[in-house]
Amino acid sequence: MATIAELQTMRETLVQKRFAGIREYTIGSRRLVYQSDAEMGAALQELDRQIAALSGTQSVSTIVFRTSKGL
């Protein structure tokens, strides 16, 4: 399993490639090809999940809004 530092590096690389519009690149001996932006987004979510799991933090899954009219 990859370390947190390796996962963060992979995530940074993926974000840079995504914003540059590059869907095919090589990391070491691995060649990665993403068919769509949605597939790249899913890969980012998975990397975020793995980073959170290794660092012992969890992402917020529910946000609760409490509003009032000020009365």
N, C-alpha and C. Protein backbone atom coordinates (compact mmCIF):
# COMPACT_ATOMS: atom_id res chain seq x y z
N MET A 1 0.84 -1.18 0.00
CA MET A 1 0.00 0.00 0.00
C MET A 1 0.89 1.24 0.00
N ALA A 2 0.43 2.27 -0.66
CA ALA A 2 1.19 3.51 -0.79
C ALA A 2 1.15 4.31 0.51
N THR A 3 2.17 5.12 0.71
CA THR A 3 2.21 5.99 1.89
C THR A 3 1.37 7.24 1.62
N ILE A 4 1.11 8.01 2.67
CA ILE A 4 0.34 9.25 2.52
C ILE A 4 1.06 10.20 1.56
N ALA A 5 2.37 10.31 1.69
CA ALA A 5 3.14 11.21 0.82
C ALA A 5 3.01 10.79 -0.65
N GLU A 6 3.09 9.50 -0.91
CA GLU A 6 2.95 9.01 -2.29
C GLU A 6 1.55 9.29 -2.83
N LEU A 7 0.54 9.06 -2.01
CA LEU A 7 -0.84 9.32 -2.44
C LEU A 7 -1.06 10.81 -2.70
N GLN A 8 -0.50 11.66 -1.86
CA GLN A 8 -0.64 13.11 -2.06
C GLN A 8 0.06 13.55 -3.34
N THR A 9 1.21 12.97 -3.63
CA THR A 9 1.92 13.28 -4.87
C THR A 9 1.10 12.83 -6.08
N MET A 10 0.53 11.64 -5.99
CA MET A 10 -0.32 11.14 -7.08
C MET A 10 -1.53 12.06 -7.27
N ARG A 11 -2.12 12.52 -6.18
CA ARG A 11 -3.28 13.40 -6.25
C ARG A 11 -2.92 14.74 -6.90
N GLU A 12 -1.80 15.33 -6.47
CA GLU A 12 -1.36 16.60 -7.04
C GLU A 12 -1.11 16.46 -8.54
N THR A 13 -0.47 15.38 -8.94
CA THR A 13 -0.20 15.14 -10.36
C THR A 13 -1.50 15.01 -11.13
N LEU A 14 -2.45 14.26 -10.59
CA LEU A 14 -3.73 14.06 -11.26
C LEU A 14 -4.49 15.38 -11.40
N VAL A 15 -4.47 16.21 -10.37
CA VAL A 15 -5.15 17.51 -10.44
C VAL A 15 -4.52 18.37 -11.52
N GLN A 16 -3.19 18.41 -11.57
CA GLN A 16 -2.50 19.20 -12.59
C GLN A 16 -2.85 18.72 -14.00
N LYS A 17 -2.84 17.40 -14.19
CA LYS A 17 -3.15 16.84 -15.51
C LYS A 17 -4.61 17.12 -15.88
N ARG A 18 -5.50 17.02 -14.90
CA ARG A 18 -6.93 17.25 -15.16
C ARG A 18 -7.17 18.68 -15.61
N PHE A 19 -6.58 19.65 -14.91
CA PHE A 19 -6.78 21.05 -15.28
C PHE A 19 -6.10 21.41 -16.59
N ALA A 20 -5.05 20.69 -16.94
CA ALA A 20 -4.37 20.93 -18.21
C ALA A 20 -5.06 20.22 -19.37
N GLY A 21 -6.05 19.38 -19.06
CA GLY A 21 -6.77 18.66 -20.11
C GLY A 21 -6.05 17.42 -20.61
N ILE A 22 -5.06 16.95 -19.86
CA ILE A 22 -4.29 15.77 -20.26
C ILE A 22 -4.93 14.54 -19.64
N ARG A 23 -5.33 13.60 -20.47
CA ARG A 23 -5.99 12.39 -19.97
C ARG A 23 -5.12 11.15 -20.03
N GLU A 24 -3.92 11.29 -20.55
CA GLU A 24 -3.02 10.14 -20.68
C GLU A 24 -1.62 10.57 -20.26
N TYR A 25 -1.05 9.84 -19.28
CA TYR A 25 0.30 10.14 -18.84
C TYR A 25 0.91 8.93 -18.17
N THR A 26 2.22 9.02 -17.90
CA THR A 26 2.96 7.89 -17.33
C THR A 26 3.54 8.28 -15.98
N ILE A 27 3.36 7.40 -14.99
CA ILE A 27 3.98 7.55 -13.68
C ILE A 27 4.89 6.34 -13.49
N GLY A 28 6.19 6.59 -13.50
CA GLY A 28 7.14 5.48 -13.39
C GLY A 28 6.96 4.53 -14.57
N SER A 29 6.62 3.29 -14.27
CA SER A 29 6.41 2.31 -15.33
C SER A 29 4.93 2.13 -15.66
N ARG A 30 4.06 2.87 -14.97
CA ARG A 30 2.61 2.74 -15.19
C ARG A 30 2.11 3.80 -16.16
N ARG A 31 1.34 3.40 -17.13
CA ARG A 31 0.73 4.31 -18.09
C ARG A 31 -0.74 4.42 -17.73
N LEU A 32 -1.20 5.65 -17.47
CA LEU A 32 -2.58 5.89 -17.07
C LEU A 32 -3.34 6.58 -18.19
N VAL A 33 -4.52 6.06 -18.49
CA VAL A 33 -5.38 6.65 -19.51
C VAL A 33 -6.77 6.79 -18.91
N TYR A 34 -7.28 8.02 -18.88
CA TYR A 34 -8.62 8.28 -18.38
C TYR A 34 -9.52 8.60 -19.57
N GLN A 35 -10.68 7.98 -19.62
CA GLN A 35 -11.59 8.15 -20.75
C GLN A 35 -12.39 9.44 -20.68
N SER A 36 -12.59 9.97 -19.46
CA SER A 36 -13.41 11.18 -19.32
C SER A 36 -12.98 11.95 -18.08
N ASP A 37 -13.47 13.18 -18.00
CA ASP A 37 -13.22 14.00 -16.82
C ASP A 37 -13.88 13.39 -15.59
N ALA A 38 -15.04 12.77 -15.78
CA ALA A 38 -15.74 12.13 -14.67
C ALA A 38 -14.90 10.99 -14.09
N GLU A 39 -14.22 10.26 -14.95
CA GLU A 39 -13.36 9.17 -14.49
C GLU A 39 -12.18 9.72 -13.68
N MET A 40 -11.64 10.86 -14.11
CA MET A 40 -10.56 11.49 -13.36
C MET A 40 -11.08 11.98 -12.01
N GLY A 41 -12.30 12.52 -12.00
CA GLY A 41 -12.90 12.97 -10.75
C GLY A 41 -13.10 11.82 -9.78
N ALA A 42 -13.52 10.68 -10.29
CA ALA A 42 -13.71 9.50 -9.44
C ALA A 42 -12.36 9.04 -8.87
N ALA A 43 -11.31 9.12 -9.67
CA ALA A 43 -9.98 8.74 -9.19
C ALA A 43 -9.52 9.69 -8.09
N LEU A 44 -9.82 10.99 -8.24
CA LEU A 44 -9.48 11.96 -7.20
C LEU A 44 -10.23 11.66 -5.91
N GLN A 45 -11.50 11.32 -6.02
CA GLN A 45 -12.28 10.98 -4.83
C GLN A 45 -11.71 9.76 -4.13
N GLU A 46 -11.29 8.78 -4.89
CA GLU A 46 -10.71 7.57 -4.31
C GLU A 46 -9.38 7.89 -3.62
N LEU A 47 -8.56 8.73 -4.25
CA LEU A 47 -7.31 9.13 -3.61
C LEU A 47 -7.58 9.89 -2.31
N ASP A 48 -8.57 10.80 -2.34
CA ASP A 48 -8.93 11.53 -1.12
C ASP A 48 -9.38 10.56 -0.02
N ARG A 49 -10.15 9.54 -0.40
CA ARG A 49 -10.64 8.56 0.57
C ARG A 49 -9.47 7.79 1.19
N GLN A 50 -8.53 7.38 0.34
CA GLN A 50 -7.37 6.63 0.84
C GLN A 50 -6.49 7.49 1.73
N ILE A 51 -6.29 8.75 1.35
CA ILE A 51 -5.49 9.66 2.17
C ILE A 51 -6.15 9.87 3.53
N ALA A 52 -7.46 10.07 3.53
CA ALA A 52 -8.19 10.26 4.78
C ALA A 52 -8.11 9.01 5.65
N ALA A 53 -8.21 7.84 5.05
CA ALA A 53 -8.15 6.59 5.81
C ALA A 53 -6.77 6.41 6.46
N LEU A 54 -5.71 6.73 5.73
CA LEU A 54 -4.37 6.58 6.28
C LEU A 54 -4.03 7.63 7.33
N SER A 55 -4.60 8.83 7.18
CA SER A 55 -4.29 9.90 8.13
C SER A 55 -5.21 9.89 9.34
N GLY A 56 -6.23 9.03 9.31
CA GLY A 56 -7.12 8.92 10.46
C GLY A 56 -8.21 9.96 10.50
N THR A 57 -8.41 10.69 9.41
CA THR A 57 -9.49 11.67 9.35
C THR A 57 -10.55 11.18 8.38
N GLN A 58 -11.74 11.68 8.58
CA GLN A 58 -12.82 11.32 7.68
C GLN A 58 -13.42 12.60 7.12
N SER A 59 -13.89 12.52 5.90
CA SER A 59 -14.53 13.68 5.30
C SER A 59 -15.95 13.81 5.84
N VAL A 60 -16.46 15.01 5.79
CA VAL A 60 -17.81 15.28 6.26
C VAL A 60 -18.79 14.72 5.25
N SER A 61 -19.71 13.89 5.73
CA SER A 61 -20.67 13.29 4.81
C SER A 61 -22.03 13.97 4.87
N THR A 62 -22.30 14.72 5.95
CA THR A 62 -23.59 15.40 6.09
C THR A 62 -23.36 16.80 6.63
N ILE A 63 -24.03 17.75 6.03
CA ILE A 63 -23.99 19.13 6.51
C ILE A 63 -25.40 19.50 6.93
N VAL A 64 -25.55 20.01 8.15
CA VAL A 64 -26.86 20.39 8.66
C VAL A 64 -26.90 21.91 8.78
N PHE A 65 -27.90 22.52 8.16
CA PHE A 65 -28.10 23.96 8.24
C PHE A 65 -29.16 24.25 9.28
N ARG A 66 -28.88 25.20 10.16
CA ARG A 66 -29.88 25.64 11.14
C ARG A 66 -30.09 27.12 10.91
N THR A 67 -31.26 27.45 10.45
CA THR A 67 -31.56 28.85 10.14
C THR A 67 -32.76 29.31 10.95
N SER A 68 -32.86 30.61 11.09
CA SER A 68 -34.04 31.19 11.74
C SER A 68 -34.31 32.55 11.12
N LYS A 69 -35.46 33.07 11.41
CA LYS A 69 -35.83 34.39 10.88
C LYS A 69 -35.37 35.49 11.83
N GLY A 70 -34.71 35.13 12.89
CA GLY A 70 -34.21 36.12 13.83
C GLY A 70 -35.27 36.61 14.79
N LEU A 71 -36.35 35.87 14.95
CA LEU A 71 -37.43 36.29 15.85
C LEU A 71 -37.25 35.77 17.23
